Amino acid sequence: MSAELHRLIDATGGGCCVIRADGTIDAASPGFLALAGAPPRVAGQLPSALIEELPALDQLRAAVDAQTPVFRHVGADGVGHELAAAYVPDVGGAAGGVLVLVDRSSEARLRRGQVRLNREIDDLEAQLAQRQRQPQRSRIRSMPELNGRLEEALMRGRRYKHDVSCISVQIEMPAGSEAHDDELVQTVGETLIGCVRGVDDLGCADLRHWIFVLPHTPLAGGEIVATRVRTRLAGIELNRVGLGVAQVGGEEPGSAAIDRADQASAQALESGGGVLLAVALI
């Protein structure tokens, strides 16, 4: 290989070194030293002494392609790379040749991201399948159950970098109605169940107080859902309905987000009803 080709290999994010007949390094390019995490002077050393994970030179092919095995190497500088290697013997038949390293770190990160995405899709499909097997009535959860579902949603959301929001719904019954009016309560419950999306959860604190947990939903998305809930409840003879929306902060407990949503819904109820967004926590 010519010096120009060596520079081209470095310019494309790779690196190379010239191997002597005895298998030691004669000279190495800056790209090779960076990928190997090696000191500037490596002449006379074996490549395997710098890169323990490197296959034997006689096992390497003369070119790197999609089927070339990738190995992870952390150099003496503490920086890790996903590498593939090729060895090009001297054309003239003399011993020695050129060892080429190709940085596959970006491809490896992409593969890991795809694996995480596939795992997340599998999780969501499993959740949806479980919901479809459950009767609709079971979607109304007690508050302890809802808190557990919220913590599960937070664990997944923080793992996959997805937002989680919650909606507090506080209802003021019509003047003269009984709080335990079974028909009215059933109508409210069925209406709220109709607002539950595939992976959402609905809990009942009491007959006038309901909570939605919305995985994969930022504050703006929660506002859209809350507006839809308000529109549907408008078809029922209720006095006032206050809705509060809160997005769970990065390190915030789920219960704290519900408290913020409750405060917002109480304020909305006192103001005559409507949707109010809780102050976001950064």
Protein backbone atom coordinates (compact mmCIF):
# COMPACT_ATOMS: atom_id res chain seq x y z
CA MET A 1 0.00 0.00 0.00
CA SER A 2 1.16 3.50 -0.80
CA ALA A 3 1.48 6.33 1.70
CA GLU A 4 -1.44 8.07 -0.04
CA LEU A 5 -3.64 5.03 0.57
CA HIS A 6 -2.61 4.96 4.21
CA ARG A 7 -3.70 8.58 4.56
CA LEU A 8 -6.99 7.79 2.83
CA ILE A 9 -7.68 4.98 5.31
CA ASP A 10 -7.09 7.41 8.18
CA ALA A 11 -9.27 10.05 6.55
CA THR A 12 -12.24 7.65 6.44
CA GLY A 13 -12.04 6.94 10.18
CA GLY A 14 -9.87 3.82 10.01
CA GLY A 15 -6.21 3.17 10.61
CA CYS A 16 -3.37 0.95 9.41
CA CYS A 17 0.12 -0.18 10.29
CA VAL A 18 2.97 -1.81 8.35
CA ILE A 19 3.89 -5.29 9.58
CA ARG A 20 7.45 -6.59 9.29
CA ALA A 21 8.40 -10.11 8.28
CA ASP A 22 8.72 -11.13 11.95
CA GLY A 23 5.14 -9.99 12.65
CA THR A 24 6.05 -6.84 14.55
CA ILE A 25 4.96 -3.32 13.69
CA ASP A 26 7.27 -1.22 11.52
CA ALA A 27 5.18 1.97 11.40
CA ALA A 28 1.61 2.93 12.33
CA SER A 29 -0.68 5.68 11.10
CA PRO A 30 -2.26 8.20 13.51
CA GLY A 31 -5.64 6.58 12.90
CA PHE A 32 -4.31 3.17 13.95
CA LEU A 33 -2.81 4.62 17.13
CA ALA A 34 -6.10 6.35 17.97
CA LEU A 35 -8.24 3.23 17.44
CA ALA A 36 -5.78 1.03 19.32
CA GLY A 37 -5.44 3.58 22.12
CA ALA A 38 -1.68 3.05 21.84
CA PRO A 39 1.28 5.33 22.64
CA PRO A 40 2.93 7.19 19.73
CA ARG A 41 5.87 4.77 19.47
CA VAL A 42 4.84 1.20 18.75
CA ALA A 43 7.60 0.06 16.37
CA GLY A 44 8.85 -3.41 17.23
CA GLN A 45 5.71 -4.44 19.12
CA LEU A 46 3.28 -7.16 18.11
CA PRO A 47 -0.19 -5.93 17.10
CA SER A 48 -1.73 -8.39 19.57
CA ALA A 49 0.21 -6.69 22.37
CA LEU A 50 -1.66 -3.48 21.63
CA ILE A 51 -5.02 -5.07 20.75
CA GLU A 52 -5.54 -8.28 22.71
CA GLU A 53 -8.85 -8.99 20.96
CA LEU A 54 -7.26 -8.92 17.49
CA PRO A 55 -7.50 -12.27 15.66
CA ALA A 56 -4.30 -13.85 14.37
CA LEU A 57 -3.08 -12.17 11.18
CA ASP A 58 -3.30 -15.39 9.18
CA GLN A 59 -7.02 -15.60 10.07
CA LEU A 60 -7.82 -12.17 8.66
CA ARG A 61 -9.07 -11.60 5.15
CA ALA A 62 -7.62 -8.98 2.82
CA ALA A 63 -10.74 -6.78 2.94
CA VAL A 64 -13.43 -5.77 5.43
CA ASP A 65 -17.06 -6.32 4.46
CA ALA A 66 -20.44 -6.74 6.16
CA GLN A 67 -19.59 -10.32 7.20
CA THR A 68 -16.27 -9.45 8.84
CA PRO A 69 -16.42 -10.20 12.59
CA VAL A 70 -16.44 -7.15 14.89
CA PHE A 71 -14.63 -7.07 18.22
CA ARG A 72 -14.64 -4.50 21.01
CA HIS A 73 -11.35 -3.02 22.14
CA VAL A 74 -10.65 -0.58 24.97
CA GLY A 75 -7.22 0.99 24.59
CA ALA A 76 -4.79 2.16 27.21
CA ASP A 77 -6.43 5.58 26.92
CA GLY A 78 -9.70 4.12 28.21
CA VAL A 79 -11.63 4.74 24.98
CA GLY A 80 -13.59 1.80 23.55
CA HIS A 81 -14.18 1.05 19.87
CA GLU A 82 -16.03 -1.63 17.90
CA LEU A 83 -13.43 -2.70 15.30
CA ALA A 84 -13.07 -4.92 12.26
CA ALA A 85 -9.66 -5.84 10.85
CA ALA A 86 -8.10 -6.92 7.56
CA TYR A 87 -4.55 -7.96 6.67
CA VAL A 88 -3.07 -7.30 3.23
CA PRO A 89 0.18 -9.28 2.62
CA ASP A 90 2.94 -7.77 0.50
CA VAL A 91 2.14 -8.31 -3.18
CA GLY A 92 5.74 -9.16 -4.02
CA GLY A 93 5.62 -12.34 -1.99
CA ALA A 94 7.88 -11.06 0.76
CA ALA A 95 6.81 -11.61 4.34
CA GLY A 96 4.94 -8.84 6.09
CA GLY A 97 2.09 -6.65 4.96
CA VAL A 98 -0.38 -4.03 6.14
CA LEU A 99 -2.89 -4.41 8.99
CA VAL A 100 -6.03 -2.31 8.50
CA LEU A 101 -8.52 -1.37 11.24
CA VAL A 102 -12.05 -0.18 10.46
CA ASP A 103 -14.13 1.58 13.13
CA ARG A 104 -17.59 -0.02 13.29
CA SER A 105 -18.68 1.78 16.48
CA SER A 106 -21.49 3.73 14.80
CA GLU A 107 -22.89 0.57 13.22
CA ALA A 108 -22.69 -1.23 16.57
CA ARG A 109 -24.59 1.59 18.30
CA LEU A 110 -27.21 1.45 15.57
CA ARG A 111 -27.59 -2.30 16.05
CA ARG A 112 -27.92 -1.91 19.82
CA GLY A 113 -30.51 0.82 19.29
CA GLN A 114 -32.45 -1.48 16.98
CA VAL A 115 -32.33 -4.26 19.57
CA ARG A 116 -33.66 -1.88 22.24
CA LEU A 117 -36.40 -0.70 19.88
CA ASN A 118 -37.42 -4.28 19.06
CA ARG A 119 -37.46 -5.12 22.77
CA GLU A 120 -39.64 -2.09 23.46
CA ILE A 121 -42.03 -3.06 20.66
CA ASP A 122 -42.26 -6.57 22.12
CA ASP A 123 -43.05 -5.09 25.55
CA LEU A 124 -45.80 -2.90 24.12
CA GLU A 125 -47.30 -5.76 22.12
CA ALA A 126 -47.34 -7.91 25.26
CA GLN A 127 -49.07 -5.11 27.18
CA LEU A 128 -51.68 -4.67 24.47
CA ALA A 129 -52.30 -8.41 24.27
CA GLN A 130 -52.79 -8.54 28.03
CA ARG A 131 -55.21 -5.61 27.94
CA GLN A 132 -57.23 -7.23 25.16
CA ARG A 133 -57.59 -10.40 27.24
CA GLN A 134 -58.96 -8.43 30.19
CA PRO A 135 -62.63 -7.47 30.46
CA GLN A 136 -63.25 -3.77 30.01
CA ARG A 137 -64.51 -3.31 33.57
CA SER A 138 -61.12 -4.36 34.97
CA ARG A 139 -59.55 -1.26 33.42
CA ILE A 140 -60.82 0.77 36.39
CA ARG A 141 -58.12 0.19 39.00
CA SER A 142 -57.88 0.95 42.67
CA MET A 143 -55.36 3.63 43.59
CA PRO A 144 -52.78 1.12 44.95
CA GLU A 145 -53.05 -0.80 41.66
CA LEU A 146 -52.79 2.40 39.65
CA ASN A 147 -49.71 3.54 41.59
CA GLY A 148 -48.07 0.20 40.77
CA ARG A 149 -48.91 0.58 37.09
CA LEU A 150 -47.52 4.13 37.16
CA GLU A 151 -44.21 2.96 38.63
CA GLU A 152 -43.96 0.25 35.96
CA ALA A 153 -44.62 2.84 33.26
CA LEU A 154 -41.95 5.11 34.75
CA MET A 155 -39.35 2.32 34.77
CA ARG A 156 -40.02 1.60 31.11
CA GLY A 157 -40.17 5.29 30.23
CA ARG A 158 -36.84 6.06 31.86
CA ARG A 159 -35.26 3.01 30.27
CA TYR A 160 -36.45 3.87 26.77
CA LYS A 161 -36.41 7.69 27.19
CA HIS A 162 -40.17 8.13 26.87
CA ASP A 163 -42.35 10.63 28.73
CA VAL A 164 -45.12 9.63 31.14
CA SER A 165 -48.00 11.92 32.08
CA CYS A 166 -51.06 11.68 34.29
CA ILE A 167 -54.48 13.35 34.35
CA SER A 168 -56.52 14.08 37.47
CA VAL A 169 -60.29 14.38 36.92
CA GLN A 170 -62.37 15.94 39.71
CA ILE A 171 -66.13 16.09 39.29
CA GLU A 172 -68.74 18.22 41.03
CA MET A 173 -72.10 16.47 40.91
CA PRO A 174 -75.28 18.37 40.00
CA ALA A 175 -77.07 20.17 42.80
CA GLY A 176 -79.54 17.86 44.52
CA SER A 177 -78.02 14.62 43.17
CA GLU A 178 -76.84 11.88 45.47
CA ALA A 179 -73.11 11.14 45.52
CA HIS A 180 -73.87 7.44 45.28
CA ASP A 181 -76.30 7.68 42.38
CA ASP A 182 -75.49 4.31 40.80
CA GLU A 183 -76.76 5.24 37.35
CA LEU A 184 -74.77 8.48 37.22
CA VAL A 185 -71.62 6.84 38.57
CA GLN A 186 -71.92 4.05 36.02
CA THR A 187 -72.34 6.57 33.21
CA VAL A 188 -69.26 8.52 34.33
CA GLY A 189 -67.20 5.34 34.63
CA GLU A 190 -68.21 4.04 31.22
CA THR A 191 -67.50 7.42 29.64
CA LEU A 192 -64.02 7.57 31.17
CA ILE A 193 -63.30 3.98 30.13
CA GLY A 194 -64.13 5.01 26.58
CA CYS A 195 -61.29 7.56 26.78
CA VAL A 196 -58.67 4.95 27.73
CA ARG A 197 -56.17 4.32 24.92
CA GLY A 198 -54.40 1.00 24.39
CA VAL A 199 -51.64 1.31 27.02
CA ASP A 200 -53.28 3.86 29.35
CA ASP A 201 -54.57 3.10 32.84
CA LEU A 202 -57.59 4.50 34.67
CA GLY A 203 -57.96 4.54 38.45
CA CYS A 204 -60.72 5.64 40.80
CA ALA A 205 -59.80 7.44 44.03
CA ASP A 206 -63.49 8.03 44.81
CA LEU A 207 -66.69 8.63 42.88
CA ARG A 208 -65.72 12.24 42.21
CA HIS A 209 -62.01 11.73 41.63
CA TRP A 210 -60.40 9.74 38.79
CA ILE A 211 -56.81 9.40 37.58
CA PHE A 212 -55.42 8.54 34.13
CA VAL A 213 -51.85 7.25 33.68
CA LEU A 214 -50.55 7.93 30.16
CA PRO A 215 -47.32 6.12 29.16
CA HIS A 216 -45.41 7.39 26.09
CA THR A 217 -47.15 10.76 26.46
CA PRO A 218 -45.58 14.20 27.03
CA LEU A 219 -47.44 17.08 28.63
CA ALA A 220 -48.82 18.34 25.30
CA GLY A 221 -50.21 14.88 24.51
CA GLY A 222 -51.76 14.70 27.96
CA GLU A 223 -53.51 18.01 27.32
CA ILE A 224 -55.03 16.57 24.13
CA VAL A 225 -56.32 13.51 26.00
CA ALA A 226 -57.68 15.68 28.82
CA THR A 227 -59.53 17.87 26.33
CA ARG A 228 -61.10 14.78 24.79
CA VAL A 229 -62.13 13.54 28.26
CA ARG A 230 -63.69 16.91 29.05
CA THR A 231 -65.62 16.90 25.77
CA ARG A 232 -67.06 13.45 26.46
CA LEU A 233 -67.99 14.29 30.04
CA ALA A 234 -69.79 17.39 28.75
CA GLY A 235 -72.49 15.05 27.48
CA ILE A 236 -73.35 14.03 31.06
CA GLU A 237 -75.38 16.20 33.42
CA LEU A 238 -72.56 17.19 35.75
CA ASN A 239 -72.16 20.52 37.48
CA ARG A 240 -68.44 21.12 36.86
CA VAL A 241 -65.42 19.07 35.80
CA GLY A 242 -61.84 20.08 36.53
CA LEU A 243 -58.93 18.32 34.85
CA GLY A 244 -55.26 18.68 35.74
CA VAL A 245 -52.41 17.36 33.57
CA ALA A 246 -48.86 16.71 34.81
CA GLN A 247 -45.82 15.18 33.15
CA VAL A 248 -43.64 13.14 35.49
CA GLY A 249 -40.24 14.78 36.00
CA GLY A 250 -36.95 13.01 35.31
CA GLU A 251 -36.34 11.92 38.93
CA GLU A 252 -39.81 12.66 40.29
CA PRO A 253 -41.82 9.89 42.02
CA GLY A 254 -45.05 9.06 40.25
CA SER A 255 -47.09 9.91 43.34
CA ALA A 256 -45.68 13.46 43.31
CA ALA A 257 -46.82 13.93 39.71
CA ILE A 258 -50.31 12.75 40.66
CA ASP A 259 -50.32 15.28 43.52
CA ARG A 260 -49.44 18.06 41.07
CA ALA A 261 -52.19 16.92 38.71
CA ASP A 262 -54.64 16.85 41.64
CA GLN A 263 -53.73 20.41 42.60
CA ALA A 264 -54.24 21.55 39.02
CA SER A 265 -57.62 19.80 38.70
CA ALA A 266 -58.79 21.25 42.04
CA GLN A 267 -57.81 24.73 40.86
CA ALA A 268 -59.59 24.17 37.54
CA LEU A 269 -62.71 23.02 39.40
CA GLU A 270 -62.67 26.10 41.64
CA SER A 271 -62.34 28.29 38.55
CA GLY A 272 -65.50 26.87 37.01
CA GLY A 273 -64.10 23.79 35.27
CA GLY A 274 -61.75 23.12 32.39
CA VAL A 275 -58.25 21.79 31.76
CA LEU A 276 -55.22 23.12 33.60
CA LEU A 277 -51.59 22.08 33.07
CA ALA A 278 -49.42 21.53 36.14
CA VAL A 279 -46.05 23.24 36.32
CA ALA A 280 -43.48 21.01 34.60
CA LEU A 281 -40.51 19.71 36.58
CA ILE A 282 -37.18 19.72 34.71
